[in-house]
N, C-alpha and C. Protein backbone atom coordinates (compact mmCIF):
# COMPACT_ATOMS: atom_id res chain seq x y z
N MET A 1 34.62 -48.28 -45.53
CA MET A 1 34.80 -46.90 -45.10
C MET A 1 34.76 -46.89 -43.57
N SER A 2 35.68 -46.14 -42.98
CA SER A 2 35.73 -46.07 -41.51
C SER A 2 34.53 -45.29 -40.98
N SER A 3 34.19 -45.54 -39.71
CA SER A 3 33.05 -44.84 -39.11
C SER A 3 33.33 -43.35 -38.97
N ALA A 4 34.58 -42.97 -38.72
CA ALA A 4 34.93 -41.54 -38.60
C ALA A 4 34.72 -40.83 -39.94
N LEU A 5 35.12 -41.50 -41.03
CA LEU A 5 34.94 -40.92 -42.35
C LEU A 5 33.46 -40.82 -42.71
N ALA A 6 32.70 -41.86 -42.41
CA ALA A 6 31.26 -41.84 -42.67
C ALA A 6 30.58 -40.73 -41.88
N GLN A 7 31.02 -40.53 -40.64
CA GLN A 7 30.45 -39.47 -39.81
C GLN A 7 30.71 -38.09 -40.41
N LEU A 8 31.93 -37.85 -40.91
CA LEU A 8 32.25 -36.56 -41.54
C LEU A 8 31.39 -36.33 -42.78
N ILE A 9 31.16 -37.37 -43.56
CA ILE A 9 30.32 -37.24 -44.75
C ILE A 9 28.88 -36.95 -44.35
N ASP A 10 28.36 -37.66 -43.34
CA ASP A 10 26.99 -37.45 -42.87
C ASP A 10 26.78 -36.04 -42.32
N GLN A 11 27.80 -35.48 -41.68
CA GLN A 11 27.70 -34.14 -41.12
C GLN A 11 27.84 -33.05 -42.18
N GLY A 12 28.16 -33.45 -43.41
CA GLY A 12 28.33 -32.46 -44.47
C GLY A 12 29.67 -31.74 -44.41
N ARG A 13 30.62 -32.29 -43.64
CA ARG A 13 31.93 -31.64 -43.49
C ARG A 13 32.93 -32.15 -44.52
N LEU A 14 32.57 -33.23 -45.20
CA LEU A 14 33.42 -33.80 -46.23
C LEU A 14 32.54 -34.10 -47.43
N TRP A 15 33.02 -33.80 -48.60
CA TRP A 15 32.20 -33.98 -49.79
C TRP A 15 32.96 -34.79 -50.82
N ARG A 16 32.27 -35.75 -51.41
CA ARG A 16 32.83 -36.53 -52.51
C ARG A 16 32.18 -36.02 -53.79
N GLY A 17 32.99 -35.71 -54.79
CA GLY A 17 32.51 -35.05 -56.00
C GLY A 17 31.38 -35.73 -56.73
N HIS A 18 31.32 -37.05 -56.72
CA HIS A 18 30.28 -37.75 -57.47
C HIS A 18 29.00 -37.97 -56.68
N VAL A 19 29.00 -37.58 -55.43
CA VAL A 19 27.82 -37.76 -54.58
C VAL A 19 27.30 -36.38 -54.18
N PRO A 20 26.00 -36.11 -54.34
CA PRO A 20 25.48 -34.81 -53.91
C PRO A 20 25.79 -34.56 -52.43
N ARG A 21 26.19 -33.36 -52.14
CA ARG A 21 26.57 -32.99 -50.78
C ARG A 21 25.34 -32.93 -49.87
N THR A 22 25.48 -33.47 -48.67
CA THR A 22 24.41 -33.41 -47.68
C THR A 22 24.40 -32.02 -47.07
N VAL A 23 23.26 -31.35 -47.13
CA VAL A 23 23.14 -30.02 -46.56
C VAL A 23 22.07 -30.08 -45.48
N HIS A 24 22.46 -29.77 -44.25
CA HIS A 24 21.51 -29.74 -43.14
C HIS A 24 20.95 -28.33 -43.07
N THR A 25 19.63 -28.22 -43.17
CA THR A 25 19.00 -26.90 -43.26
C THR A 25 17.78 -26.81 -42.36
N LEU A 26 17.32 -25.58 -42.20
CA LEU A 26 16.00 -25.29 -41.65
C LEU A 26 15.30 -24.40 -42.67
N PRO A 27 14.01 -24.60 -42.89
CA PRO A 27 13.29 -23.78 -43.87
C PRO A 27 13.40 -22.29 -43.56
N THR A 28 13.42 -21.49 -44.63
CA THR A 28 13.48 -20.04 -44.45
C THR A 28 12.14 -19.47 -44.02
N GLY A 29 11.07 -20.22 -44.26
CA GLY A 29 9.73 -19.70 -43.99
C GLY A 29 9.13 -19.04 -45.22
N HIS A 30 9.85 -19.10 -46.33
CA HIS A 30 9.41 -18.53 -47.61
C HIS A 30 9.50 -19.64 -48.65
N ALA A 31 8.36 -20.22 -49.00
CA ALA A 31 8.32 -21.41 -49.85
C ALA A 31 9.03 -21.23 -51.18
N ALA A 32 8.86 -20.08 -51.82
CA ALA A 32 9.50 -19.86 -53.12
C ALA A 32 11.02 -19.87 -53.00
N LEU A 33 11.54 -19.34 -51.90
CA LEU A 33 12.98 -19.33 -51.68
C LEU A 33 13.48 -20.72 -51.32
N ASP A 34 12.76 -21.42 -50.45
CA ASP A 34 13.15 -22.78 -50.07
C ASP A 34 13.23 -23.68 -51.29
N ALA A 35 12.36 -23.47 -52.27
CA ALA A 35 12.32 -24.31 -53.47
C ALA A 35 13.60 -24.22 -54.30
N VAL A 36 14.34 -23.12 -54.21
CA VAL A 36 15.55 -22.96 -55.03
C VAL A 36 16.84 -23.15 -54.24
N LEU A 37 16.72 -23.39 -52.93
CA LEU A 37 17.92 -23.60 -52.10
C LEU A 37 18.19 -25.08 -51.90
N PRO A 38 19.45 -25.50 -52.02
CA PRO A 38 19.78 -26.91 -51.74
C PRO A 38 19.40 -27.25 -50.31
N GLY A 39 18.71 -28.33 -50.13
CA GLY A 39 18.25 -28.73 -48.80
C GLY A 39 16.99 -28.01 -48.36
N GLY A 40 16.55 -27.01 -49.12
CA GLY A 40 15.29 -26.33 -48.84
C GLY A 40 15.31 -25.35 -47.70
N GLY A 41 16.43 -24.65 -47.48
CA GLY A 41 16.43 -23.64 -46.43
C GLY A 41 17.80 -23.11 -46.08
N TRP A 42 17.86 -22.46 -44.89
CA TRP A 42 19.12 -21.90 -44.38
C TRP A 42 20.09 -23.03 -44.06
N PRO A 43 21.35 -22.96 -44.51
CA PRO A 43 22.31 -24.00 -44.17
C PRO A 43 22.75 -23.90 -42.71
N ARG A 44 22.65 -25.00 -42.00
CA ARG A 44 23.06 -25.06 -40.59
C ARG A 44 24.58 -25.22 -40.52
N GLY A 45 25.19 -24.58 -39.55
CA GLY A 45 26.64 -24.69 -39.38
C GLY A 45 27.40 -23.95 -40.46
N ALA A 46 26.84 -22.83 -40.90
CA ALA A 46 27.46 -22.08 -41.99
C ALA A 46 27.21 -20.59 -41.83
N LEU A 47 27.99 -19.82 -42.56
CA LEU A 47 27.80 -18.37 -42.63
C LEU A 47 26.90 -18.07 -43.82
N SER A 48 25.85 -17.30 -43.59
CA SER A 48 24.98 -16.82 -44.66
C SER A 48 25.00 -15.30 -44.64
N GLU A 49 24.99 -14.70 -45.82
CA GLU A 49 24.95 -13.24 -45.93
C GLU A 49 23.59 -12.81 -46.43
N VAL A 50 23.08 -11.74 -45.85
CA VAL A 50 21.85 -11.12 -46.32
C VAL A 50 22.22 -9.70 -46.73
N VAL A 51 22.29 -9.47 -48.03
CA VAL A 51 22.66 -8.17 -48.57
C VAL A 51 21.39 -7.33 -48.71
N HIS A 52 21.43 -6.12 -48.15
CA HIS A 52 20.25 -5.25 -48.16
C HIS A 52 20.64 -3.80 -48.44
N ALA A 53 19.69 -3.02 -48.94
CA ALA A 53 19.96 -1.63 -49.33
C ALA A 53 20.12 -0.70 -48.14
N ALA A 54 19.34 -0.92 -47.11
CA ALA A 54 19.37 -0.07 -45.92
C ALA A 54 18.70 -0.82 -44.78
N PRO A 55 19.06 -0.50 -43.54
CA PRO A 55 18.38 -1.16 -42.43
C PRO A 55 16.86 -0.98 -42.53
N GLY A 56 16.14 -2.07 -42.33
CA GLY A 56 14.68 -2.02 -42.41
C GLY A 56 14.14 -2.19 -43.81
N SER A 57 15.00 -2.60 -44.77
CA SER A 57 14.54 -2.74 -46.15
C SER A 57 14.16 -4.17 -46.50
N GLY A 58 13.91 -4.99 -45.50
CA GLY A 58 13.44 -6.35 -45.74
C GLY A 58 14.34 -7.44 -45.20
N GLU A 59 15.51 -7.08 -44.68
CA GLU A 59 16.42 -8.11 -44.21
C GLU A 59 15.86 -8.89 -43.03
N LEU A 60 15.14 -8.21 -42.15
CA LEU A 60 14.57 -8.93 -41.00
C LEU A 60 13.37 -9.77 -41.43
N ARG A 61 12.62 -9.30 -42.39
CA ARG A 61 11.49 -10.08 -42.90
C ARG A 61 11.98 -11.44 -43.41
N LEU A 62 13.18 -11.44 -43.95
CA LEU A 62 13.76 -12.67 -44.47
C LEU A 62 14.16 -13.64 -43.35
N VAL A 63 14.72 -13.12 -42.25
CA VAL A 63 15.25 -14.00 -41.21
C VAL A 63 14.29 -14.26 -40.05
N LEU A 64 13.24 -13.45 -39.89
CA LEU A 64 12.33 -13.62 -38.76
C LEU A 64 11.70 -15.01 -38.65
N PRO A 65 11.29 -15.66 -39.74
CA PRO A 65 10.72 -17.01 -39.58
C PRO A 65 11.72 -18.00 -38.96
N LEU A 66 12.99 -17.90 -39.35
CA LEU A 66 14.00 -18.77 -38.75
C LEU A 66 14.17 -18.47 -37.27
N LEU A 67 14.28 -17.19 -36.93
CA LEU A 67 14.47 -16.81 -35.53
C LEU A 67 13.26 -17.21 -34.69
N ALA A 68 12.05 -17.06 -35.24
CA ALA A 68 10.84 -17.46 -34.52
C ALA A 68 10.84 -18.96 -34.27
N ARG A 69 11.17 -19.74 -35.27
CA ARG A 69 11.19 -21.21 -35.12
C ARG A 69 12.17 -21.63 -34.03
N LEU A 70 13.37 -21.05 -34.05
CA LEU A 70 14.39 -21.43 -33.07
C LEU A 70 13.99 -21.03 -31.65
N THR A 71 13.47 -19.81 -31.49
CA THR A 71 13.10 -19.37 -30.14
C THR A 71 11.91 -20.15 -29.61
N GLN A 72 11.00 -20.55 -30.48
CA GLN A 72 9.85 -21.36 -30.04
C GLN A 72 10.30 -22.74 -29.58
N GLN A 73 11.46 -23.18 -30.04
CA GLN A 73 12.04 -24.45 -29.59
C GLN A 73 12.84 -24.26 -28.30
N GLY A 74 12.83 -23.03 -27.75
CA GLY A 74 13.57 -22.75 -26.53
C GLY A 74 15.05 -22.53 -26.74
N ARG A 75 15.43 -22.20 -27.97
CA ARG A 75 16.84 -21.98 -28.30
C ARG A 75 17.10 -20.49 -28.40
N PRO A 76 18.17 -19.99 -27.78
CA PRO A 76 18.46 -18.55 -27.82
C PRO A 76 18.99 -18.10 -29.18
N VAL A 77 18.60 -16.89 -29.55
CA VAL A 77 19.13 -16.24 -30.75
C VAL A 77 19.59 -14.84 -30.35
N ALA A 78 20.50 -14.27 -31.13
CA ALA A 78 21.07 -12.97 -30.76
C ALA A 78 21.17 -12.05 -31.96
N LEU A 79 21.06 -10.77 -31.67
CA LEU A 79 21.29 -9.70 -32.64
C LEU A 79 22.49 -8.93 -32.13
N VAL A 80 23.53 -8.81 -32.93
CA VAL A 80 24.74 -8.11 -32.53
C VAL A 80 24.89 -6.85 -33.38
N ALA A 81 24.93 -5.72 -32.70
CA ALA A 81 25.10 -4.39 -33.32
C ALA A 81 24.00 -4.06 -34.32
N PRO A 82 22.72 -4.33 -33.99
CA PRO A 82 21.67 -3.96 -34.95
C PRO A 82 21.60 -2.44 -35.08
N PRO A 83 21.42 -1.93 -36.30
CA PRO A 83 21.40 -0.48 -36.51
C PRO A 83 20.13 0.18 -36.00
N LEU A 84 19.06 -0.60 -35.85
CA LEU A 84 17.78 -0.09 -35.35
C LEU A 84 17.38 -0.91 -34.13
N LEU A 85 16.75 -0.26 -33.18
CA LEU A 85 16.27 -0.95 -31.99
C LEU A 85 15.10 -1.86 -32.37
N PRO A 86 15.19 -3.15 -32.08
CA PRO A 86 14.08 -4.06 -32.42
C PRO A 86 12.79 -3.65 -31.69
N TYR A 87 11.67 -3.69 -32.42
CA TYR A 87 10.37 -3.34 -31.86
C TYR A 87 9.76 -4.62 -31.29
N ALA A 88 9.82 -4.76 -29.97
CA ALA A 88 9.44 -6.01 -29.31
C ALA A 88 8.04 -6.50 -29.67
N PRO A 89 7.00 -5.64 -29.67
CA PRO A 89 5.67 -6.16 -30.04
C PRO A 89 5.63 -6.74 -31.46
N GLY A 90 6.35 -6.14 -32.39
CA GLY A 90 6.39 -6.66 -33.75
C GLY A 90 7.08 -8.01 -33.83
N TRP A 91 8.17 -8.15 -33.08
CA TRP A 91 8.89 -9.42 -33.05
C TRP A 91 8.02 -10.50 -32.42
N ALA A 92 7.32 -10.16 -31.35
CA ALA A 92 6.43 -11.13 -30.71
C ALA A 92 5.31 -11.54 -31.66
N GLN A 93 4.77 -10.58 -32.39
CA GLN A 93 3.70 -10.88 -33.35
C GLN A 93 4.22 -11.80 -34.46
N ALA A 94 5.51 -11.68 -34.79
CA ALA A 94 6.11 -12.55 -35.81
C ALA A 94 6.42 -13.94 -35.27
N GLY A 95 6.15 -14.16 -33.98
CA GLY A 95 6.34 -15.48 -33.40
C GLY A 95 7.63 -15.67 -32.63
N VAL A 96 8.43 -14.62 -32.47
CA VAL A 96 9.69 -14.73 -31.73
C VAL A 96 9.39 -14.74 -30.23
N ASP A 97 9.91 -15.75 -29.53
CA ASP A 97 9.80 -15.81 -28.08
C ASP A 97 10.85 -14.85 -27.52
N LEU A 98 10.39 -13.70 -27.02
CA LEU A 98 11.30 -12.64 -26.60
C LEU A 98 12.20 -13.06 -25.44
N SER A 99 11.79 -14.06 -24.67
CA SER A 99 12.64 -14.51 -23.57
C SER A 99 13.90 -15.21 -24.09
N GLN A 100 13.91 -15.58 -25.38
CA GLN A 100 15.06 -16.24 -25.98
C GLN A 100 15.86 -15.31 -26.90
N LEU A 101 15.49 -14.03 -26.93
CA LEU A 101 16.15 -13.06 -27.81
C LEU A 101 17.15 -12.23 -27.02
N ILE A 102 18.38 -12.16 -27.52
CA ILE A 102 19.44 -11.37 -26.90
C ILE A 102 19.83 -10.27 -27.89
N VAL A 103 19.85 -9.03 -27.43
CA VAL A 103 20.26 -7.90 -28.27
C VAL A 103 21.49 -7.29 -27.64
N ILE A 104 22.57 -7.21 -28.42
CA ILE A 104 23.83 -6.69 -27.91
C ILE A 104 24.30 -5.53 -28.78
N GLU A 105 24.48 -4.39 -28.15
CA GLU A 105 25.06 -3.24 -28.84
C GLU A 105 26.57 -3.33 -28.65
N ALA A 106 27.26 -3.56 -29.74
CA ALA A 106 28.72 -3.70 -29.67
C ALA A 106 29.35 -2.84 -30.74
N PRO A 107 30.43 -2.12 -30.40
CA PRO A 107 31.14 -1.37 -31.43
C PRO A 107 31.75 -2.34 -32.43
N ALA A 108 31.93 -1.87 -33.66
CA ALA A 108 32.41 -2.73 -34.75
C ALA A 108 33.62 -3.58 -34.38
N PRO A 109 34.63 -3.05 -33.72
CA PRO A 109 35.79 -3.90 -33.42
C PRO A 109 35.47 -5.11 -32.55
N GLN A 110 34.48 -4.99 -31.66
CA GLN A 110 34.15 -6.11 -30.78
C GLN A 110 32.99 -6.97 -31.29
N ALA A 111 32.32 -6.53 -32.34
CA ALA A 111 31.13 -7.25 -32.82
C ALA A 111 31.45 -8.67 -33.27
N LEU A 112 32.55 -8.85 -33.98
CA LEU A 112 32.91 -10.20 -34.45
C LEU A 112 33.23 -11.11 -33.27
N ASP A 113 34.03 -10.64 -32.32
CA ASP A 113 34.35 -11.46 -31.14
C ASP A 113 33.09 -11.83 -30.39
N THR A 114 32.19 -10.87 -30.23
CA THR A 114 30.94 -11.11 -29.53
C THR A 114 30.12 -12.19 -30.24
N THR A 115 30.04 -12.10 -31.56
CA THR A 115 29.28 -13.07 -32.34
C THR A 115 29.86 -14.47 -32.19
N CYS A 116 31.17 -14.59 -32.31
CA CYS A 116 31.80 -15.91 -32.18
C CYS A 116 31.59 -16.48 -30.78
N GLN A 117 31.69 -15.64 -29.76
CA GLN A 117 31.48 -16.10 -28.39
C GLN A 117 30.04 -16.55 -28.17
N LEU A 118 29.09 -15.84 -28.74
CA LEU A 118 27.68 -16.24 -28.62
C LEU A 118 27.43 -17.59 -29.27
N LEU A 119 28.01 -17.81 -30.45
CA LEU A 119 27.86 -19.09 -31.13
C LEU A 119 28.48 -20.21 -30.29
N GLN A 120 29.66 -19.95 -29.75
CA GLN A 120 30.33 -20.97 -28.94
C GLN A 120 29.58 -21.24 -27.64
N ALA A 121 28.85 -20.24 -27.15
CA ALA A 121 28.11 -20.39 -25.89
C ALA A 121 26.75 -21.06 -26.08
N GLY A 122 26.38 -21.35 -27.33
CA GLY A 122 25.14 -22.09 -27.55
C GLY A 122 24.01 -21.34 -28.22
N ALA A 123 24.25 -20.13 -28.72
CA ALA A 123 23.19 -19.44 -29.46
C ALA A 123 22.89 -20.24 -30.73
N ALA A 124 21.61 -20.43 -31.02
CA ALA A 124 21.22 -21.19 -32.21
C ALA A 124 21.44 -20.39 -33.48
N ALA A 125 21.31 -19.06 -33.39
CA ALA A 125 21.52 -18.18 -34.54
C ALA A 125 21.98 -16.82 -34.02
N VAL A 126 22.87 -16.20 -34.78
CA VAL A 126 23.32 -14.85 -34.45
C VAL A 126 23.28 -14.02 -35.73
N CYS A 127 22.59 -12.88 -35.66
CA CYS A 127 22.56 -11.92 -36.76
C CYS A 127 23.57 -10.82 -36.43
N LEU A 128 24.47 -10.56 -37.34
CA LEU A 128 25.55 -9.60 -37.13
C LEU A 128 25.47 -8.49 -38.16
N TRP A 129 25.48 -7.24 -37.68
CA TRP A 129 25.51 -6.08 -38.57
C TRP A 129 26.86 -5.41 -38.43
N VAL A 130 27.74 -5.62 -39.39
CA VAL A 130 28.99 -4.86 -39.49
C VAL A 130 29.20 -4.56 -40.96
N VAL A 131 29.86 -3.45 -41.23
CA VAL A 131 30.03 -3.02 -42.61
C VAL A 131 30.94 -3.96 -43.38
N ARG A 132 32.09 -4.29 -42.79
CA ARG A 132 32.99 -5.19 -43.51
C ARG A 132 33.71 -6.11 -42.56
N LEU A 133 34.03 -7.26 -43.11
CA LEU A 133 34.87 -8.24 -42.44
C LEU A 133 35.91 -8.68 -43.46
N ASN A 134 37.14 -8.91 -43.02
CA ASN A 134 38.14 -9.40 -43.95
C ASN A 134 38.02 -10.92 -44.07
N GLU A 135 38.84 -11.51 -44.91
CA GLU A 135 38.74 -12.95 -45.17
C GLU A 135 39.01 -13.77 -43.91
N ILE A 136 39.94 -13.33 -43.09
CA ILE A 136 40.24 -14.04 -41.85
C ILE A 136 39.03 -13.98 -40.91
N ASP A 137 38.40 -12.81 -40.83
CA ASP A 137 37.22 -12.65 -39.98
C ASP A 137 36.07 -13.55 -40.44
N THR A 138 35.82 -13.59 -41.75
CA THR A 138 34.72 -14.42 -42.24
C THR A 138 35.02 -15.91 -42.02
N ARG A 139 36.28 -16.28 -42.16
CA ARG A 139 36.64 -17.68 -41.91
C ARG A 139 36.44 -18.02 -40.44
N ARG A 140 36.81 -17.09 -39.57
CA ARG A 140 36.62 -17.30 -38.12
C ARG A 140 35.14 -17.45 -37.78
N LEU A 141 34.32 -16.61 -38.39
CA LEU A 141 32.87 -16.67 -38.17
C LEU A 141 32.30 -17.98 -38.71
N THR A 142 32.77 -18.40 -39.87
CA THR A 142 32.33 -19.67 -40.46
C THR A 142 32.70 -20.84 -39.55
N LEU A 143 33.92 -20.84 -39.04
CA LEU A 143 34.35 -21.93 -38.15
C LEU A 143 33.53 -21.97 -36.86
N ALA A 144 33.21 -20.79 -36.32
CA ALA A 144 32.39 -20.74 -35.10
C ALA A 144 31.01 -21.33 -35.38
N ALA A 145 30.42 -21.01 -36.53
CA ALA A 145 29.11 -21.55 -36.89
C ALA A 145 29.18 -23.06 -37.12
N GLU A 146 30.23 -23.51 -37.82
CA GLU A 146 30.39 -24.94 -38.08
C GLU A 146 30.54 -25.72 -36.79
N THR A 147 31.39 -25.24 -35.90
CA THR A 147 31.64 -25.93 -34.64
C THR A 147 30.37 -26.03 -33.81
N ALA A 148 29.60 -24.95 -33.77
CA ALA A 148 28.38 -24.92 -32.97
C ALA A 148 27.18 -25.52 -33.69
N GLN A 149 27.32 -25.82 -35.00
CA GLN A 149 26.19 -26.26 -35.83
C GLN A 149 25.02 -25.29 -35.68
N ALA A 150 25.36 -24.00 -35.80
CA ALA A 150 24.40 -22.92 -35.63
C ALA A 150 24.34 -22.09 -36.92
N PHE A 151 23.51 -21.06 -36.89
CA PHE A 151 23.31 -20.19 -38.05
C PHE A 151 23.98 -18.84 -37.78
N ALA A 152 24.97 -18.49 -38.60
CA ALA A 152 25.60 -17.17 -38.53
C ALA A 152 25.07 -16.38 -39.71
N LEU A 153 24.40 -15.26 -39.43
CA LEU A 153 23.76 -14.45 -40.47
C LEU A 153 24.39 -13.06 -40.46
N TRP A 154 25.11 -12.75 -41.53
CA TRP A 154 25.78 -11.45 -41.65
C TRP A 154 24.90 -10.54 -42.48
N MET A 155 24.37 -9.50 -41.86
CA MET A 155 23.55 -8.51 -42.55
C MET A 155 24.49 -7.48 -43.16
N ARG A 156 24.54 -7.46 -44.48
CA ARG A 156 25.56 -6.69 -45.19
C ARG A 156 24.91 -5.69 -46.15
N HIS A 157 25.49 -4.51 -46.25
CA HIS A 157 24.94 -3.45 -47.11
C HIS A 157 25.14 -3.78 -48.58
N THR A 158 24.22 -3.32 -49.42
CA THR A 158 24.26 -3.56 -50.87
C THR A 158 25.56 -3.08 -51.51
N ALA A 159 26.22 -2.10 -50.93
CA ALA A 159 27.48 -1.61 -51.48
C ALA A 159 28.49 -2.75 -51.62
N ALA A 160 28.32 -3.81 -50.82
CA ALA A 160 29.24 -4.96 -50.86
C ALA A 160 28.80 -6.02 -51.86
N HIS A 161 27.77 -5.73 -52.64
CA HIS A 161 27.19 -6.70 -53.58
C HIS A 161 28.24 -7.37 -54.46
N GLY A 162 29.19 -6.62 -54.97
CA GLY A 162 30.19 -7.19 -55.87
C GLY A 162 31.41 -7.73 -55.17
N ALA A 163 31.52 -7.54 -53.86
CA ALA A 163 32.69 -8.00 -53.12
C ALA A 163 32.71 -9.52 -53.03
N PRO A 164 33.92 -10.12 -53.02
CA PRO A 164 33.99 -11.58 -52.88
C PRO A 164 33.43 -12.01 -51.53
N SER A 165 32.96 -13.24 -51.48
CA SER A 165 32.36 -13.74 -50.26
C SER A 165 32.68 -15.21 -50.08
N THR A 166 32.97 -15.60 -48.84
CA THR A 166 33.20 -17.01 -48.52
C THR A 166 31.96 -17.64 -47.90
N ALA A 167 30.87 -16.92 -47.84
CA ALA A 167 29.63 -17.42 -47.23
C ALA A 167 29.08 -18.60 -48.04
N ALA A 168 28.44 -19.54 -47.33
CA ALA A 168 27.81 -20.68 -48.00
C ALA A 168 26.58 -20.26 -48.77
N LEU A 169 25.91 -19.21 -48.28
CA LEU A 169 24.70 -18.69 -48.92
C LEU A 169 24.77 -17.17 -48.90
N ARG A 170 24.44 -16.57 -50.02
CA ARG A 170 24.42 -15.12 -50.12
C ARG A 170 23.12 -14.71 -50.82
N LEU A 171 22.29 -13.97 -50.09
CA LEU A 171 21.00 -13.52 -50.60
C LEU A 171 20.98 -12.00 -50.66
N ARG A 172 20.30 -11.46 -51.67
CA ARG A 172 20.05 -10.02 -51.73
C ARG A 172 18.55 -9.83 -51.55
N VAL A 173 18.19 -9.00 -50.58
CA VAL A 173 16.78 -8.77 -50.30
C VAL A 173 16.44 -7.34 -50.70
N ASP A 174 15.25 -7.20 -51.30
CA ASP A 174 14.77 -5.86 -51.67
C ASP A 174 13.26 -5.84 -51.49
N GLY A 175 12.83 -5.26 -50.40
CA GLY A 175 11.40 -5.17 -50.13
C GLY A 175 10.76 -6.52 -49.95
N ASN A 176 9.92 -6.93 -50.91
CA ASN A 176 9.19 -8.19 -50.76
C ASN A 176 9.78 -9.32 -51.60
N GLY A 177 11.04 -9.19 -51.99
CA GLY A 177 11.68 -10.23 -52.78
C GLY A 177 13.11 -10.48 -52.35
N ALA A 178 13.63 -11.64 -52.75
CA ALA A 178 15.01 -12.00 -52.46
C ALA A 178 15.59 -12.73 -53.66
N ALA A 179 16.87 -12.50 -53.92
CA ALA A 179 17.57 -13.18 -55.00
C ALA A 179 18.74 -13.97 -54.41
N VAL A 180 18.97 -15.15 -54.93
CA VAL A 180 20.09 -15.98 -54.50
C VAL A 180 21.29 -15.57 -55.34
N LEU A 181 22.26 -14.92 -54.70
CA LEU A 181 23.46 -14.48 -55.40
C LEU A 181 24.51 -15.58 -55.47
N LYS A 182 24.56 -16.39 -54.41
CA LYS A 182 25.54 -17.47 -54.33
C LYS A 182 25.00 -18.50 -53.37
N VAL A 183 25.18 -19.78 -53.71
CA VAL A 183 24.77 -20.84 -52.80
C VAL A 183 25.67 -22.05 -53.03
N ARG A 184 26.22 -22.56 -51.96
CA ARG A 184 27.08 -23.74 -52.04
C ARG A 184 26.21 -24.94 -52.40
N GLY A 185 26.62 -25.65 -53.45
CA GLY A 185 25.87 -26.82 -53.87
C GLY A 185 24.67 -26.51 -54.76
N GLY A 186 24.54 -25.27 -55.21
CA GLY A 186 23.42 -24.88 -56.06
C GLY A 186 23.82 -23.78 -57.00
N ARG A 187 22.82 -23.14 -57.57
CA ARG A 187 23.06 -22.08 -58.54
C ARG A 187 22.39 -20.79 -58.11
N PRO A 188 22.97 -19.66 -58.52
CA PRO A 188 22.27 -18.39 -58.28
C PRO A 188 20.88 -18.45 -58.91
N HIS A 189 19.95 -17.70 -58.36
CA HIS A 189 18.59 -17.70 -58.85
C HIS A 189 18.03 -16.29 -58.82
N ALA A 190 17.23 -15.99 -59.82
CA ALA A 190 16.61 -14.67 -59.88
C ALA A 190 15.66 -14.47 -58.70
N ARG A 191 15.11 -13.34 -58.62
CA ARG A 191 14.27 -12.90 -57.50
C ARG A 191 13.09 -13.84 -57.21
N CYS A 192 12.89 -14.14 -55.93
CA CYS A 192 11.75 -14.91 -55.44
C CYS A 192 10.94 -14.00 -54.54
N LEU A 193 9.64 -14.13 -54.59
CA LEU A 193 8.78 -13.34 -53.70
C LEU A 193 8.81 -13.95 -52.30
N LEU A 194 8.86 -13.09 -51.29
CA LEU A 194 8.86 -13.54 -49.90
C LEU A 194 7.42 -13.65 -49.42
N ALA A 195 7.20 -14.54 -48.47
CA ALA A 195 5.86 -14.71 -47.89
C ALA A 195 5.44 -13.43 -47.18
N ALA A 196 4.16 -13.15 -47.17
CA ALA A 196 3.65 -11.93 -46.53
C ALA A 196 3.85 -11.99 -45.04
C-alpha cells in the first residue's frame, strides 16, 4: 500500500468496508453519551448537528465541555448568530477561557460564509445557529470542517428533526438528556443522561 493511501486511511478520509473506520474524536464531557458514540466523542473534521426545542433548552450544556477543553488548550472557538447573548460569567464557570471565545452576530445569509471562514482561519470549533441550510451549504460546511480538522456544530431547531441530514453526527437534546439520531459508523441510540 502506498504511503499516500495509508495516510488517507489513517486520517479517516478513506474507508475500507471490512475494516472499522478510524474516527478521530474528542470526548463530549458526558460519559453516557461518549459510551455510545464511535470513537467516544465528537467527530473531528466533521459536521455535527445538535437538534433542540428552543434556544437555552440544553444545546449549550451539551457542547460547553468541548468548547471549554479547546479554549483551555489555547484554541479559539466561535459562536455564529447565537439567538441569545452568552452570559460570560456562566461560560467562565463552565471552564471556557473567554479570551479564546469569539461571538459573531451575523444575518442568516452571511452566517454560513462566516462559519466557513472561521474554520479556515483556524477556529477549533464553530457553533452555528441558522434555521436551514440546503444540501450544498451543508456539504460546504462539512468540507470546511474536514479541511481544518475542526468541529462544525450546527444548532438546529427540533422542527427539522425529520429532515434529511448529511451530518456525521446528529443529536437531539432535551433538558438533561440527549439522543443519538444518526452517527456515522454507529447506530442511533435512545436517550442518555447528560452530566450535571
